[in-house]
C-alpha atoms as a PDB file:
ATOM      1  CA  UNK A   1      59.878 108.093  98.858  1.00  0.00           C
ATOM      2  CA  UNK A   2      58.579 105.839 101.665  1.00  0.00           C
ATOM      3  CA  UNK A   3      56.842 107.045 104.798  1.00  0.00           C
ATOM      4  CA  UNK A   4      59.937 107.128 106.998  1.00  0.00           C
ATOM      5  CA  UNK A   5      61.892 109.195 104.519  1.00  0.00           C
ATOM      6  CA  UNK A   6      58.946 111.634 104.235  1.00  0.00           C
ATOM      7  CA  UNK A   7      59.048 111.994 108.042  1.00  0.00           C
ATOM      8  CA  UNK A   8      62.760 112.786 107.887  1.00  0.00           C
ATOM      9  CA  UNK A   9      62.297 115.226 105.032  1.00  0.00           C
ATOM     10  CA  UNK A  10      59.587 117.122 107.000  1.00  0.00           C
ATOM     11  CA  UNK A  11      61.804 117.178 110.120  1.00  0.00           C
ATOM     12  CA  UNK A  12      64.583 118.850 108.117  1.00  0.00           C
ATOM     13  CA  UNK A  13      62.510 121.300 106.159  1.00  0.00           C
ATOM     14  CA  UNK A  14      59.265 121.753 108.078  1.00  0.00           C
ATOM     15  CA  UNK A  15      58.086 125.369 108.354  1.00  0.00           C
ATOM     16  CA  UNK A  16      57.303 125.639 112.044  1.00  0.00           C
ATOM     17  CA  UNK A  17      57.984 124.099 115.423  1.00  0.00           C
ATOM     18  CA  UNK A  18      54.479 122.734 115.911  1.00  0.00           C
ATOM     19  CA  UNK A  19      54.579 120.794 112.632  1.00  0.00           C
ATOM     20  CA  UNK A  20      58.008 119.466 113.493  1.00  0.00           C
ATOM     21  CA  UNK A  21      56.753 118.186 116.847  1.00  0.00           C
ATOM     22  CA  UNK A  22      53.809 116.418 115.176  1.00  0.00           C
ATOM     23  CA  UNK A  23      56.155 114.798 112.668  1.00  0.00           C
ATOM     24  CA  UNK A  24      58.556 113.838 115.447  1.00  0.00           C
ATOM     25  CA  UNK A  25      55.777 112.253 117.380  1.00  0.00           C
ATOM     26  CA  UNK A  26      54.897 110.135 114.382  1.00  0.00           C
ATOM     27  CA  UNK A  27      58.468 109.163 114.015  1.00  0.00           C
ATOM     28  CA  UNK A  28      59.033 108.237 117.611  1.00  0.00           C
ATOM     29  CA  UNK A  29      55.859 106.097 117.553  1.00  0.00           C
ATOM     30  CA  UNK A  30      57.760 103.586 115.435  1.00  0.00           C
ATOM     31  CA  UNK A  31      60.291 102.950 118.211  1.00  0.00           C
ATOM     32  CA  UNK A  32      58.175 100.086 119.589  1.00  0.00           C
ATOM     33  CA  UNK A  33      58.403  98.389 116.239  1.00  0.00           C
ATOM     34  CA  UNK A  34      61.999  99.392 115.734  1.00  0.00           C
ATOM     35  CA  UNK A  35      63.027  97.859 119.033  1.00  0.00           C
ATOM     36  CA  UNK A  36      62.417  94.330 117.619  1.00  0.00           C
ATOM     37  CA  UNK A  37      63.939  95.016 114.156  1.00  0.00           C
ATOM     38  CA  UNK A  38      67.581  94.679 113.319  1.00  0.00           C
ATOM     39  CA  UNK A  39      69.590  97.911 112.971  1.00  0.00           C
ATOM     40  CA  UNK A  40      70.121  97.056 109.324  1.00  0.00           C
ATOM     41  CA  UNK A  41      66.507  97.832 108.648  1.00  0.00           C
ATOM     42  CA  UNK A  42      67.283 101.495 109.198  1.00  0.00           C
ATOM     43  CA  UNK A  43      70.430 101.608 107.069  1.00  0.00           C
ATOM     44  CA  UNK A  44      69.034 104.196 104.583  1.00  0.00           C
ATOM     45  CA  UNK A  45      68.541 106.676 107.403  1.00  0.00           C
ATOM     46  CA  UNK A  46      71.784 106.150 109.297  1.00  0.00           C
ATOM     47  CA  UNK A  47      74.193 104.928 106.647  1.00  0.00           C
ATOM     48  CA  UNK A  48      77.065 106.909 108.179  1.00  0.00           C
ATOM     49  CA  UNK A  49      76.608 105.289 111.651  1.00  0.00           C
ATOM     50  CA  UNK A  50      78.717 102.357 112.821  1.00  0.00           C
ATOM     51  CA  UNK A  51      76.688  99.619 114.426  1.00  0.00           C
ATOM     52  CA  UNK A  52      79.462  96.974 114.773  1.00  0.00           C
ATOM     53  CA  UNK A  53      79.482  97.156 118.565  1.00  0.00           C
ATOM     54  CA  UNK A  54      75.806  97.985 119.092  1.00  0.00           C
ATOM     55  CA  UNK A  55      74.078  95.594 121.472  1.00  0.00           C
ATOM     56  CA  UNK A  56      71.092  93.713 120.111  1.00  0.00           C
ATOM     57  CA  UNK A  57      68.695  94.920 122.755  1.00  0.00           C
ATOM     58  CA  UNK A  58      69.483  98.635 121.901  1.00  0.00           C
ATOM     59  CA  UNK A  59      69.642  98.399 118.122  1.00  0.00           C
ATOM     60  CA  UNK A  60      66.107  99.447 117.351  1.00  0.00           C
ATOM     61  CA  UNK A  61      65.877 102.394 119.698  1.00  0.00           C
ATOM     62  CA  UNK A  62      69.327 103.710 118.760  1.00  0.00           C
ATOM     63  CA  UNK A  63      68.410 103.531 115.105  1.00  0.00           C
ATOM     64  CA  UNK A  64      65.157 105.433 115.830  1.00  0.00           C
ATOM     65  CA  UNK A  65      67.044 108.074 117.788  1.00  0.00           C
ATOM     66  CA  UNK A  66      69.497 108.585 114.974  1.00  0.00           C
ATOM     67  CA  UNK A  67      66.648 108.813 112.467  1.00  0.00           C
ATOM     68  CA  UNK A  68      64.917 111.435 114.686  1.00  0.00           C
ATOM     69  CA  UNK A  69      68.051 113.570 114.606  1.00  0.00           C
ATOM     70  CA  UNK A  70      68.783 113.580 118.362  1.00  0.00           C
ATOM     71  CA  UNK A  71      72.124 111.773 118.194  1.00  0.00           C
ATOM     72  CA  UNK A  72      75.163 113.830 117.222  1.00  0.00           C
ATOM     73  CA  UNK A  73      77.344 112.136 114.622  1.00  0.00           C
ATOM     74  CA  UNK A  74      80.241 112.051 117.103  1.00  0.00           C
ATOM     75  CA  UNK A  75      78.029 109.714 119.202  1.00  0.00           C
ATOM     76  CA  UNK A  76      77.128 107.292 116.432  1.00  0.00           C
ATOM     77  CA  UNK A  77      79.884 104.707 117.220  1.00  0.00           C
ATOM     78  CA  UNK A  78      81.523 102.943 120.180  1.00  0.00           C
ATOM     79  CA  UNK A  79      78.084 102.366 121.612  1.00  0.00           C
ATOM     80  CA  UNK A  80      79.131 100.049 124.474  1.00  0.00           C
ATOM     81  CA  UNK A  81      81.773 102.490 125.770  1.00  0.00           C
ATOM     82  CA  UNK A  82      81.151 104.371 128.908  1.00  0.00           C
ATOM     83  CA  UNK A  83      79.827 107.880 128.169  1.00  0.00           C
ATOM     84  CA  UNK A  84      81.549 110.947 129.568  1.00  0.00           C
ATOM     85  CA  UNK A  85      79.936 113.905 131.216  1.00  0.00           C
ATOM     86  CA  UNK A  86      80.691 116.035 128.172  1.00  0.00           C
ATOM     87  CA  UNK A  87      79.263 113.494 125.757  1.00  0.00           C
ATOM     88  CA  UNK A  88      75.997 113.258 127.598  1.00  0.00           C
ATOM     89  CA  UNK A  89      75.749 117.100 127.369  1.00  0.00           C
ATOM     90  CA  UNK A  90      75.879 116.750 123.588  1.00  0.00           C
ATOM     91  CA  UNK A  91      72.887 114.368 123.670  1.00  0.00           C
ATOM     92  CA  UNK A  92      71.022 116.597 126.051  1.00  0.00           C
ATOM     93  CA  UNK A  93      71.625 119.655 123.847  1.00  0.00           C
ATOM     94  CA  UNK A  94      70.646 117.753 120.684  1.00  0.00           C
ATOM     95  CA  UNK A  95      67.329 116.715 122.280  1.00  0.00           C
ATOM     96  CA  UNK A  96      66.570 120.191 123.598  1.00  0.00           C
ATOM     97  CA  UNK A  97      67.336 121.957 120.377  1.00  0.00           C
ATOM     98  CA  UNK A  98      65.450 119.473 118.229  1.00  0.00           C
ATOM     99  CA  UNK A  99      62.402 119.893 120.470  1.00  0.00           C
ATOM    100  CA  UNK A 100      62.587 123.650 120.748  1.00  0.00           C
ATOM    101  CA  UNK A 101      63.468 124.233 117.206  1.00  0.00           C
ATOM    102  CA  UNK A 102      66.143 126.861 118.161  1.00  0.00           C
ATOM    103  CA  UNK A 103      69.691 126.864 119.288  1.00  0.00           C
ATOM    104  CA  UNK A 104      70.327 127.404 122.991  1.00  0.00           C
ATOM    105  CA  UNK A 105      71.662 130.902 123.515  1.00  0.00           C
ATOM    106  CA  UNK A 106      72.525 130.650 127.207  1.00  0.00           C
ATOM    107  CA  UNK A 107      76.092 129.757 128.185  1.00  0.00           C
ATOM    108  CA  UNK A 108      77.692 129.013 131.550  1.00  0.00           C
ATOM    109  CA  UNK A 109      81.490 128.489 131.352  1.00  0.00           C
ATOM    110  CA  UNK A 110      83.976 126.362 133.254  1.00  0.00           C
ATOM    111  CA  UNK A 111      87.719 126.581 133.666  1.00  0.00           C
ATOM    112  CA  UNK A 112      88.492 123.038 132.400  1.00  0.00           C
ATOM    113  CA  UNK A 113      86.486 122.908 129.203  1.00  0.00           C
ATOM    114  CA  UNK A 114      85.422 125.065 126.281  1.00  0.00           C
ATOM    115  CA  UNK A 115      82.985 122.480 124.948  1.00  0.00           C
ATOM    116  CA  UNK A 116      79.975 124.456 123.615  1.00  0.00           C
ATOM    117  CA  UNK A 117      77.537 121.638 124.459  1.00  0.00           C
ATOM    118  CA  UNK A 118      78.713 121.652 128.081  1.00  0.00           C
ATOM    119  CA  UNK A 119      78.309 125.493 128.175  1.00  0.00           C
ATOM    120  CA  UNK A 120      74.780 125.206 126.642  1.00  0.00           C
ATOM    121  CA  UNK A 121      73.689 122.430 128.946  1.00  0.00           C
ATOM    122  CA  UNK A 122      74.838 124.402 131.967  1.00  0.00           C
ATOM    123  CA  UNK A 123      73.237 127.529 130.582  1.00  0.00           C
ATOM    124  CA  UNK A 124      69.754 125.986 130.713  1.00  0.00           C
ATOM    125  CA  UNK A 125      70.399 124.334 134.122  1.00  0.00           C
ATOM    126  CA  UNK A 126      70.805 120.771 133.019  1.00  0.00           C
ATOM    127  CA  UNK A 127      74.325 120.410 134.474  1.00  0.00           C
ATOM    128  CA  UNK A 128      76.442 122.007 137.147  1.00  0.00           C
ATOM    129  CA  UNK A 129      80.085 121.764 137.869  1.00  0.00           C
ATOM    130  CA  UNK A 130      82.021 119.641 140.372  1.00  0.00           C
ATOM    131  CA  UNK A 131      83.380 122.598 142.310  1.00  0.00           C
ATOM    132  CA  UNK A 132      86.018 125.374 141.825  1.00  0.00           C
ATOM    133  CA  UNK A 133      84.425 126.316 138.491  1.00  0.00           C
ATOM    134  CA  UNK A 134      85.390 122.923 137.001  1.00  0.00           C
ATOM    135  CA  UNK A 135      83.141 120.486 135.135  1.00  0.00           C
ATOM    136  CA  UNK A 136      85.310 117.317 134.780  1.00  0.00           C
ATOM    137  CA  UNK A 137      84.139 116.775 131.134  1.00  0.00           C
ATOM    138  CA  UNK A 138      86.055 113.484 130.605  1.00  0.00           C
ATOM    139  CA  UNK A 139      84.875 111.750 133.770  1.00  0.00           C
ATOM    140  CA  UNK A 140      82.520 108.908 133.254  1.00  0.00           C
ATOM    141  CA  UNK A 141      78.835 109.693 133.799  1.00  0.00           C
ATOM    142  CA  UNK A 142      77.134 107.622 136.473  1.00  0.00           C
ATOM    143  CA  UNK A 143      73.603 106.258 136.327  1.00  0.00           C
ATOM    144  CA  UNK A 144      72.340 108.607 139.010  1.00  0.00           C
ATOM    145  CA  UNK A 145      73.877 111.587 137.198  1.00  0.00           C
ATOM    146  CA  UNK A 146      72.149 110.547 134.027  1.00  0.00           C
ATOM    147  CA  UNK A 147      68.784 110.348 135.802  1.00  0.00           C
ATOM    148  CA  UNK A 148      69.164 113.813 137.250  1.00  0.00           C
ATOM    149  CA  UNK A 149      70.118 115.215 133.867  1.00  0.00           C
ATOM    150  CA  UNK A 150      67.063 113.618 132.223  1.00  0.00           C
ATOM    151  CA  UNK A 151      64.758 115.200 134.800  1.00  0.00           C
ATOM    152  CA  UNK A 152      66.465 118.555 134.355  1.00  0.00           C
ATOM    153  CA  UNK A 153      66.119 118.398 130.580  1.00  0.00           C
ATOM    154  CA  UNK A 154      62.357 117.894 131.017  1.00  0.00           C
ATOM    155  CA  UNK A 155      62.273 120.841 133.452  1.00  0.00           C
ATOM    156  CA  UNK A 156      64.175 123.071 131.031  1.00  0.00           C
ATOM    157  CA  UNK A 157      61.757 122.261 128.258  1.00  0.00           C
ATOM    158  CA  UNK A 158      58.806 122.959 130.537  1.00  0.00           C
ATOM    159  CA  UNK A 159      57.520 119.396 130.774  1.00  0.00           C
ATOM    160  CA  UNK A 160      58.688 118.176 134.196  1.00  0.00           C
ATOM    161  CA  UNK A 161      58.558 114.399 134.920  1.00  0.00           C
ATOM    162  CA  UNK A 162      56.227 113.117 137.579  1.00  0.00           C
ATOM    163  CA  UNK A 163      57.623 113.239 141.089  1.00  0.00           C
ATOM    164  CA  UNK A 164      57.855 109.909 142.815  1.00  0.00           C
ATOM    165  CA  UNK A 165      60.126 108.232 145.366  1.00  0.00           C
ATOM    166  CA  UNK A 166      62.426 105.722 143.648  1.00  0.00           C
ATOM    167  CA  UNK A 167      61.511 102.142 144.264  1.00  0.00           C
ATOM    168  CA  UNK A 168      64.766 100.074 144.092  1.00  0.00           C
ATOM    169  CA  UNK A 169      66.315  97.587 146.531  1.00  0.00           C
ATOM    170  CA  UNK A 170      69.421  99.786 146.693  1.00  0.00           C
ATOM    171  CA  UNK A 171      67.669 103.150 147.294  1.00  0.00           C
ATOM    172  CA  UNK A 172      69.988 103.787 150.186  1.00  0.00           C
ATOM    173  CA  UNK A 173      72.966 103.906 147.800  1.00  0.00           C
ATOM    174  CA  UNK A 174      71.430 106.747 145.781  1.00  0.00           C
ATOM    175  CA  UNK A 175      72.957 110.111 146.654  1.00  0.00           C
ATOM    176  CA  UNK A 176      70.621 112.558 148.415  1.00  0.00           C
ATOM    177  CA  UNK A 177      71.040 115.164 145.570  1.00  0.00           C
ATOM    178  CA  UNK A 178      70.054 112.448 143.002  1.00  0.00           C
ATOM    179  CA  UNK A 179      67.119 110.781 144.786  1.00  0.00           C
ATOM    180  CA  UNK A 180      64.392 112.970 143.284  1.00  0.00           C
ATOM    181  CA  UNK A 181      65.726 112.736 139.718  1.00  0.00           C
ATOM    182  CA  UNK A 182      66.075 108.931 139.919  1.00  0.00           C
ATOM    183  CA  UNK A 183      62.512 108.659 141.127  1.00  0.00           C
ATOM    184  CA  UNK A 184      61.267 110.895 138.308  1.00  0.00           C
ATOM    185  CA  UNK A 185      63.148 108.948 135.641  1.00  0.00           C
ATOM    186  CA  UNK A 186      61.717 105.732 137.014  1.00  0.00           C
ATOM    187  CA  UNK A 187      58.184 107.113 137.274  1.00  0.00           C
ATOM    188  CA  UNK A 188      58.206 108.315 133.614  1.00  0.00           C
ATOM    189  CA  UNK A 189      59.526 104.893 132.405  1.00  0.00           C
ATOM    190  CA  UNK A 190      62.654 106.593 131.037  1.00  0.00           C
ATOM    191  CA  UNK A 191      65.169 104.656 133.200  1.00  0.00           C
ATOM    192  CA  UNK A 192      64.851 101.208 134.762  1.00  0.00           C
ATOM    193  CA  UNK A 193      66.960  99.058 137.057  1.00  0.00           C
ATOM    194  CA  UNK A 194      69.805  96.709 136.246  1.00  0.00           C
ATOM    195  CA  UNK A 195      68.172  93.588 137.549  1.00  0.00           C
ATOM    196  CA  UNK A 196      67.288  92.119 140.897  1.00  0.00           C
ATOM    197  CA  UNK A 197      65.435  95.317 141.721  1.00  0.00           C
ATOM    198  CA  UNK A 198      68.671  97.330 141.846  1.00  0.00           C
ATOM    199  CA  UNK A 199      69.399 100.717 140.248  1.00  0.00           C
ATOM    200  CA  UNK A 200      73.200 100.702 140.757  1.00  0.00           C
ATOM    201  CA  UNK A 201      73.382 104.457 140.978  1.00  0.00           C
ATOM    202  CA  UNK A 202      77.178 104.780 141.003  1.00  0.00           C
ATOM    203  CA  UNK A 203      77.773 102.522 138.044  1.00  0.00           C
ATOM    204  CA  UNK A 204      78.961 104.094 134.757  1.00  0.00           C
ATOM    205  CA  UNK A 205      76.484 104.568 131.935  1.00  0.00           C
ATOM    206  CA  UNK A 206      77.206 103.589 128.324  1.00  0.00           C
ATOM    207  CA  UNK A 207      76.626 105.443 125.137  1.00  0.00           C
ATOM    208  CA  UNK A 208      73.853 103.116 123.939  1.00  0.00           C
ATOM    209  CA  UNK A 209      72.119 103.255 127.335  1.00  0.00           C
ATOM    210  CA  UNK A 210      72.286 107.043 127.095  1.00  0.00           C
ATOM    211  CA  UNK A 211      70.871 107.230 123.627  1.00  0.00           C
ATOM    212  CA  UNK A 212      68.037 104.806 124.441  1.00  0.00           C
ATOM    213  CA  UNK A 213      66.973 106.829 127.517  1.00  0.00           C
ATOM    214  CA  UNK A 214      67.271 110.187 125.641  1.00  0.00           C
ATOM    215  CA  UNK A 215      64.892 108.700 123.010  1.00  0.00           C
ATOM    216  CA  UNK A 216      62.502 107.556 125.739  1.00  0.00           C
ATOM    217  CA  UNK A 217      62.480 111.003 127.271  1.00  0.00           C
ATOM    218  CA  UNK A 218      61.892 112.505 123.847  1.00  0.00           C
ATOM    219  CA  UNK A 219      58.898 110.247 123.264  1.00  0.00           C
ATOM    220  CA  UNK A 220      57.466 111.224 126.664  1.00  0.00           C
ATOM    221  CA  UNK A 221      57.738 114.895 125.931  1.00  0.00           C
ATOM    222  CA  UNK A 222      56.318 115.028 122.454  1.00  0.00           C
END
């Protein structure tokens, strides 16, 4: 049994939350190496995951996130597809429950979805609805929405991200309600721009981008 497999074994069967966090920290520390390795190097730990449409730049970090157990199986394919609001909730819940070591018990419900991950994410204050008790679970998630959710996940866990004004050339395009979250995600090194100093706050976010930033947030918190 190699060292990576031992880490995964401890994650699954470790006796307490503190030990699991220590092991998770060790596992996440390989992300820097993983980022320059082909996804095939992690095949023993994510054999069930499809990587046929995984971008080269994301391969290492996506593989590390899967190995750390923070990517639901339903999210381990179609990586370049735009992520929906409900799908991002699944990632948020997976990260929170892995870190906390317990299932989220709080629930907030909506009239247009019975998705348990949406209800859990709303229960801990990571997401809110779009009005009239609706959530719009199948709408594409935008980059500014993703940044706000990342900041709220950190808050829910009790490790808030540093507060800083966002520094992008298109700051004026960031919604007022999202400005603080975008600044926090940038300050923590969890989200970056899209080039030319731009953040593109209203652009859609992909599955692989979401997984990579969830992993980065996980690494910051542990």
